[in-house]
Amino acid sequence: MDEPGPFTADHEAEPEARPGTVTLECRVLRKTYAHLRIREPAAEARLSASIAEVGQRSPVLVVHDADGYPVLIDGYRRVHALARLGQDTVSALALGLSEADALVYCHRQESSRHRSIVEEAWLVRELHGQGPSLAAIGLALGRSTSWVSRRVALLAALPESVQDAVHEGRVSAHGAMKSLVPLARANKVQCEQLLQALGEGRITTRQLAELHAAWRAGDSEQRERIVGAPRLFLRALRDVNYIHPSATITSPH
């Protein structure tokens, strides 16, 4: 029996049907896969400045769905950058592929910007949700089944609230991997409490590491204080280190 799912292309070959570059109105783009990419406002701002100076250098990639609408596959940052400039159109290249095959194609062709492990995990989950087995996904992506399984396990360990924070750029993917994954595995409830208490502001990878290290070293009362007021803890830690560089604390009082 054939493998279920939407993979139909030879992923070792270039897509056969690649019409020329066209100009599309941004408003008609279906941004179905925006959730697979981390938002990076600073990078978008730099790209906006570049486009304002020299224009859009490379087209975004789209496929057309059953209703004929263009579905944005690659180029979400460029579209966001154009929106910042108030531009209504985007240069696009249409791939003659299914959506799943186009996602795989873009993953295999990426060179200028590598996906984080969390983004890879989101891609695996998206493809799996469209039908293919994990083994088929690994084959299509040129990866082993164990590679795919590790990405699935990562998302199982990360609460959705943490994934949302990573997607929005409030928490770095590296910080989530190094500090929030082990924290969530040890105590999912307190991991979510910590993230909620951090609020909407960005938290650095180093700050997350400091919070996780203090949480691991603390007793139950100290852990409650850390997850309940993490930014207060960080301020207290900064003040102590400023006054006594060799000193350490486990919880603010």
Protein backbone atom coordinates (compact mmCIF):
# COMPACT_ATOMS: atom_id res chain seq x y z
CA MET A 1 0.00 0.00 0.00
CA ASP A 2 1.26 3.49 -0.83
CA GLU A 3 2.34 5.78 1.95
CA PRO A 4 -0.56 8.09 2.88
CA GLY A 5 -0.06 11.82 2.66
CA PRO A 6 0.59 14.61 0.17
CA PHE A 7 4.19 13.88 -0.84
CA THR A 8 4.31 13.41 -4.61
CA ALA A 9 7.51 15.11 -5.75
CA ASP A 10 11.02 13.79 -6.14
CA HIS A 11 12.70 15.75 -3.38
CA GLU A 12 16.14 15.25 -4.89
CA ALA A 13 15.11 17.13 -8.06
CA GLU A 14 14.16 20.70 -8.86
CA PRO A 15 10.41 21.33 -9.27
CA GLU A 16 9.44 20.85 -12.93
CA ALA A 17 6.90 23.65 -13.18
CA ARG A 18 8.35 27.02 -12.17
CA PRO A 19 6.55 29.90 -13.89
CA GLY A 20 8.28 33.25 -14.07
CA THR A 21 8.29 35.85 -11.35
CA VAL A 22 4.98 37.66 -10.89
CA THR A 23 3.78 40.57 -8.80
CA LEU A 24 1.09 39.74 -6.26
CA GLU A 25 -0.94 41.88 -3.92
CA CYS A 26 0.08 41.13 -0.35
CA ARG A 27 -3.54 41.07 0.77
CA VAL A 28 -4.34 38.02 -1.37
CA LEU A 29 -1.55 35.90 0.07
CA ARG A 30 -2.71 33.07 2.29
CA LYS A 31 -0.26 33.00 5.20
CA THR A 32 -1.12 29.45 6.15
CA TYR A 33 2.34 28.62 7.47
CA ALA A 34 3.24 31.74 9.43
CA HIS A 35 3.22 29.64 12.60
CA LEU A 36 6.24 27.69 11.36
CA ARG A 37 8.57 30.67 11.61
CA ILE A 38 9.85 32.71 14.54
CA ARG A 39 9.06 36.42 14.34
CA GLU A 40 12.21 38.55 14.59
CA PRO A 41 11.22 42.24 14.63
CA ALA A 42 14.84 43.45 14.67
CA ALA A 43 15.71 41.37 11.60
CA GLU A 44 12.53 42.55 9.87
CA ALA A 45 13.52 46.16 10.58
CA ARG A 46 16.95 45.60 9.03
CA LEU A 47 15.37 43.93 6.01
CA SER A 48 12.89 46.81 5.67
CA ALA A 49 15.80 49.25 5.57
CA SER A 50 17.53 47.16 2.91
CA ILE A 51 14.40 46.90 0.76
CA ALA A 52 13.79 50.62 1.10
CA GLU A 53 17.30 51.23 -0.24
CA VAL A 54 17.69 48.62 -2.98
CA GLY A 55 14.28 47.00 -3.39
CA GLN A 56 13.20 43.38 -2.98
CA ARG A 57 16.15 41.32 -4.17
CA SER A 58 14.63 37.84 -4.23
CA PRO A 59 11.04 36.70 -4.77
CA VAL A 60 8.98 34.94 -2.13
CA LEU A 61 7.84 31.41 -2.94
CA VAL A 62 4.18 30.49 -3.27
CA VAL A 63 2.01 27.62 -4.43
CA HIS A 64 -1.62 27.85 -5.49
CA ASP A 65 -4.32 26.05 -3.55
CA ALA A 66 -7.40 24.33 -4.95
CA ASP A 67 -9.23 27.67 -5.12
CA GLY A 68 -6.40 29.32 -7.02
CA TYR A 69 -5.19 31.49 -4.13
CA PRO A 70 -1.44 31.92 -3.61
CA VAL A 71 -0.24 30.27 -0.40
CA LEU A 72 2.95 31.79 0.99
CA ILE A 73 5.53 29.06 1.58
CA ASP A 74 8.78 30.99 2.01
CA GLY A 75 9.36 34.71 2.48
CA TYR A 76 7.32 35.62 5.52
CA ARG A 77 10.02 37.98 6.77
CA ARG A 78 10.12 39.75 3.40
CA VAL A 79 6.34 40.17 3.42
CA HIS A 80 6.45 41.58 6.96
CA ALA A 81 9.26 43.92 5.94
CA LEU A 82 7.27 45.16 2.94
CA ALA A 83 4.27 45.76 5.19
CA ARG A 84 6.44 47.91 7.47
CA LEU A 85 7.22 50.04 4.41
CA GLY A 86 3.56 50.33 3.47
CA GLN A 87 4.05 48.44 0.21
CA ASP A 88 1.04 46.58 -1.16
CA THR A 89 2.72 44.18 -3.59
CA VAL A 90 5.40 41.52 -3.49
CA SER A 91 7.51 39.81 -6.15
CA ALA A 92 6.76 36.07 -6.07
CA LEU A 93 7.72 32.84 -7.76
CA ALA A 94 5.09 30.11 -8.02
CA LEU A 95 6.16 26.49 -7.51
CA GLY A 96 4.31 23.71 -9.28
CA LEU A 97 4.15 21.61 -6.12
CA SER A 98 1.72 20.59 -3.42
CA GLU A 99 1.93 22.60 -0.21
CA ALA A 100 3.63 19.76 1.65
CA ASP A 101 6.16 19.18 -1.13
CA ALA A 102 6.87 22.92 -1.29
CA LEU A 103 7.52 23.04 2.46
CA VAL A 104 9.95 20.15 2.10
CA TYR A 105 11.62 21.73 -0.94
CA CYS A 106 12.23 25.01 0.91
CA HIS A 107 13.61 23.20 3.93
CA ARG A 108 16.07 21.26 1.81
CA GLN A 109 17.15 24.31 -0.17
CA GLU A 110 17.67 26.69 2.74
CA SER A 111 21.15 28.09 3.04
CA SER A 112 20.98 31.76 4.04
CA ARG A 113 18.93 31.18 7.18
CA HIS A 114 18.91 27.89 9.01
CA ARG A 115 15.86 26.92 11.00
CA SER A 116 16.11 26.58 14.74
CA ILE A 117 15.40 23.16 16.23
CA VAL A 118 12.01 24.45 17.39
CA GLU A 119 11.15 25.57 13.84
CA GLU A 120 12.21 22.16 12.54
CA ALA A 121 9.91 20.56 15.10
CA TRP A 122 7.02 22.78 14.00
CA LEU A 123 7.63 21.74 10.39
CA VAL A 124 7.61 18.05 11.31
CA ARG A 125 4.37 18.48 13.25
CA GLU A 126 2.76 20.35 10.35
CA LEU A 127 3.73 17.71 7.80
CA HIS A 128 2.68 14.87 10.11
CA GLY A 129 -0.69 16.53 10.55
CA GLN A 130 -1.16 16.43 6.78
CA GLY A 131 -0.90 12.64 6.69
CA PRO A 132 2.61 11.24 6.18
CA SER A 133 4.24 8.99 8.74
CA LEU A 134 7.29 10.18 10.64
CA ALA A 135 9.42 7.80 8.58
CA ALA A 136 8.11 9.30 5.33
CA ILE A 137 8.76 12.81 6.64
CA GLY A 138 12.33 11.91 7.56
CA LEU A 139 12.90 10.45 4.09
CA ALA A 140 11.46 13.55 2.39
CA LEU A 141 13.56 15.92 4.50
CA GLY A 142 16.69 13.83 4.07
CA ARG A 143 16.80 13.06 7.79
CA SER A 144 16.73 9.94 9.92
CA THR A 145 13.66 8.71 11.74
CA SER A 146 15.45 9.37 15.04
CA TRP A 147 16.01 13.01 13.98
CA VAL A 148 12.29 13.36 13.35
CA SER A 149 11.39 11.61 16.61
CA ARG A 150 13.60 13.98 18.62
CA ARG A 151 11.74 16.97 17.17
CA VAL A 152 8.41 15.42 18.08
CA ALA A 153 9.65 14.77 21.61
CA LEU A 154 10.81 18.38 21.92
CA LEU A 155 7.34 19.75 21.24
CA ALA A 156 5.82 17.24 23.62
CA ALA A 157 8.05 18.68 26.36
CA LEU A 158 7.38 22.35 25.58
CA PRO A 159 4.05 23.80 26.75
CA GLU A 160 2.11 25.65 24.06
CA SER A 161 2.54 28.90 25.99
CA VAL A 162 6.33 28.54 25.69
CA GLN A 163 6.06 27.74 21.99
CA ASP A 164 3.94 30.86 21.51
CA ALA A 165 6.59 32.96 23.28
CA VAL A 166 9.29 31.52 21.00
CA HIS A 167 7.17 32.16 17.91
CA GLU A 168 6.63 35.79 18.95
CA GLY A 169 10.35 36.28 19.61
CA ARG A 170 9.95 36.95 23.34
CA VAL A 171 12.02 33.87 24.15
CA SER A 172 14.87 32.67 21.95
CA ALA A 173 14.71 29.14 20.61
CA HIS A 174 18.14 28.48 22.13
CA GLY A 175 17.01 29.75 25.52
CA ALA A 176 13.91 27.58 25.38
CA MET A 177 16.00 24.53 24.53
CA LYS A 178 18.63 25.10 27.21
CA SER A 179 16.45 26.28 30.09
CA LEU A 180 12.72 25.88 29.53
CA VAL A 181 12.72 22.33 28.17
CA PRO A 182 14.46 20.88 31.26
CA LEU A 183 12.34 23.09 33.52
CA ALA A 184 9.12 21.95 31.86
CA ARG A 185 10.18 18.31 32.10
CA ALA A 186 10.87 18.76 35.81
CA ASN A 187 7.82 20.91 36.59
CA LYS A 188 5.53 21.93 33.74
CA VAL A 189 3.26 24.01 35.97
CA GLN A 190 6.09 26.15 37.31
CA CYS A 191 7.53 26.53 33.82
CA GLU A 192 4.23 28.04 32.68
CA GLN A 193 4.04 30.19 35.82
CA LEU A 194 7.51 31.53 35.11
CA LEU A 195 6.63 32.43 31.53
CA GLN A 196 3.39 34.13 32.57
CA ALA A 197 5.19 36.15 35.25
CA LEU A 198 7.82 37.29 32.72
CA GLY A 199 5.09 39.08 30.79
CA GLU A 200 5.32 40.41 27.25
CA GLY A 201 8.88 41.75 27.39
CA ARG A 202 11.76 39.87 25.80
CA ILE A 203 13.96 37.73 28.05
CA THR A 204 17.53 36.90 27.06
CA THR A 205 19.04 33.44 26.87
CA ARG A 206 21.45 34.36 29.66
CA GLN A 207 18.64 35.55 31.93
CA LEU A 208 16.71 32.34 31.34
CA ALA A 209 19.81 30.35 32.22
CA GLU A 210 20.20 32.34 35.45
CA LEU A 211 16.58 31.73 36.38
CA HIS A 212 16.82 28.02 35.63
CA ALA A 213 20.08 27.62 37.56
CA ALA A 214 18.62 29.39 40.60
CA TRP A 215 15.42 27.34 40.36
CA ARG A 216 17.40 24.09 40.29
CA ALA A 217 19.47 25.16 43.31
CA GLY A 218 16.53 26.44 45.34
CA ASP A 219 14.18 24.73 47.77
CA SER A 220 10.41 24.68 47.21
CA GLU A 221 9.85 28.11 48.77
CA GLN A 222 12.66 29.71 46.76
CA ARG A 223 11.37 28.13 43.56
CA GLU A 224 7.93 29.61 44.18
CA ARG A 225 9.48 33.04 44.60
CA ILE A 226 11.52 32.73 41.42
CA VAL A 227 8.64 31.64 39.17
CA GLY A 228 6.31 34.14 40.82
CA ALA A 229 8.57 37.18 40.35
CA PRO A 230 11.38 36.29 37.91
CA ARG A 231 12.21 39.86 36.90
CA LEU A 232 12.46 40.89 40.55
CA PHE A 233 14.86 38.00 41.07
CA LEU A 234 16.96 39.09 38.10
CA ARG A 235 17.14 42.67 39.40
CA ALA A 236 18.21 41.41 42.82
CA LEU A 237 20.82 39.18 41.22
CA ARG A 238 22.15 42.07 39.16
CA ASP A 239 22.34 44.33 42.22
CA VAL A 240 24.15 41.70 44.29
CA ASN A 241 26.65 41.00 41.52
CA TYR A 242 27.24 44.73 41.05
CA ILE A 243 28.04 45.23 44.73
CA HIS A 244 29.78 41.89 45.30
CA PRO A 245 30.88 40.39 41.94
CA SER A 246 31.76 37.05 43.55
CA ALA A 247 28.49 36.74 45.47
CA THR A 248 25.55 34.55 44.46
CA ILE A 249 21.96 34.41 45.62
CA THR A 250 19.24 31.85 45.25
CA SER A 251 16.16 34.01 45.77
CA PRO A 252 15.28 37.66 46.40
CA HIS A 253 13.79 38.49 49.77
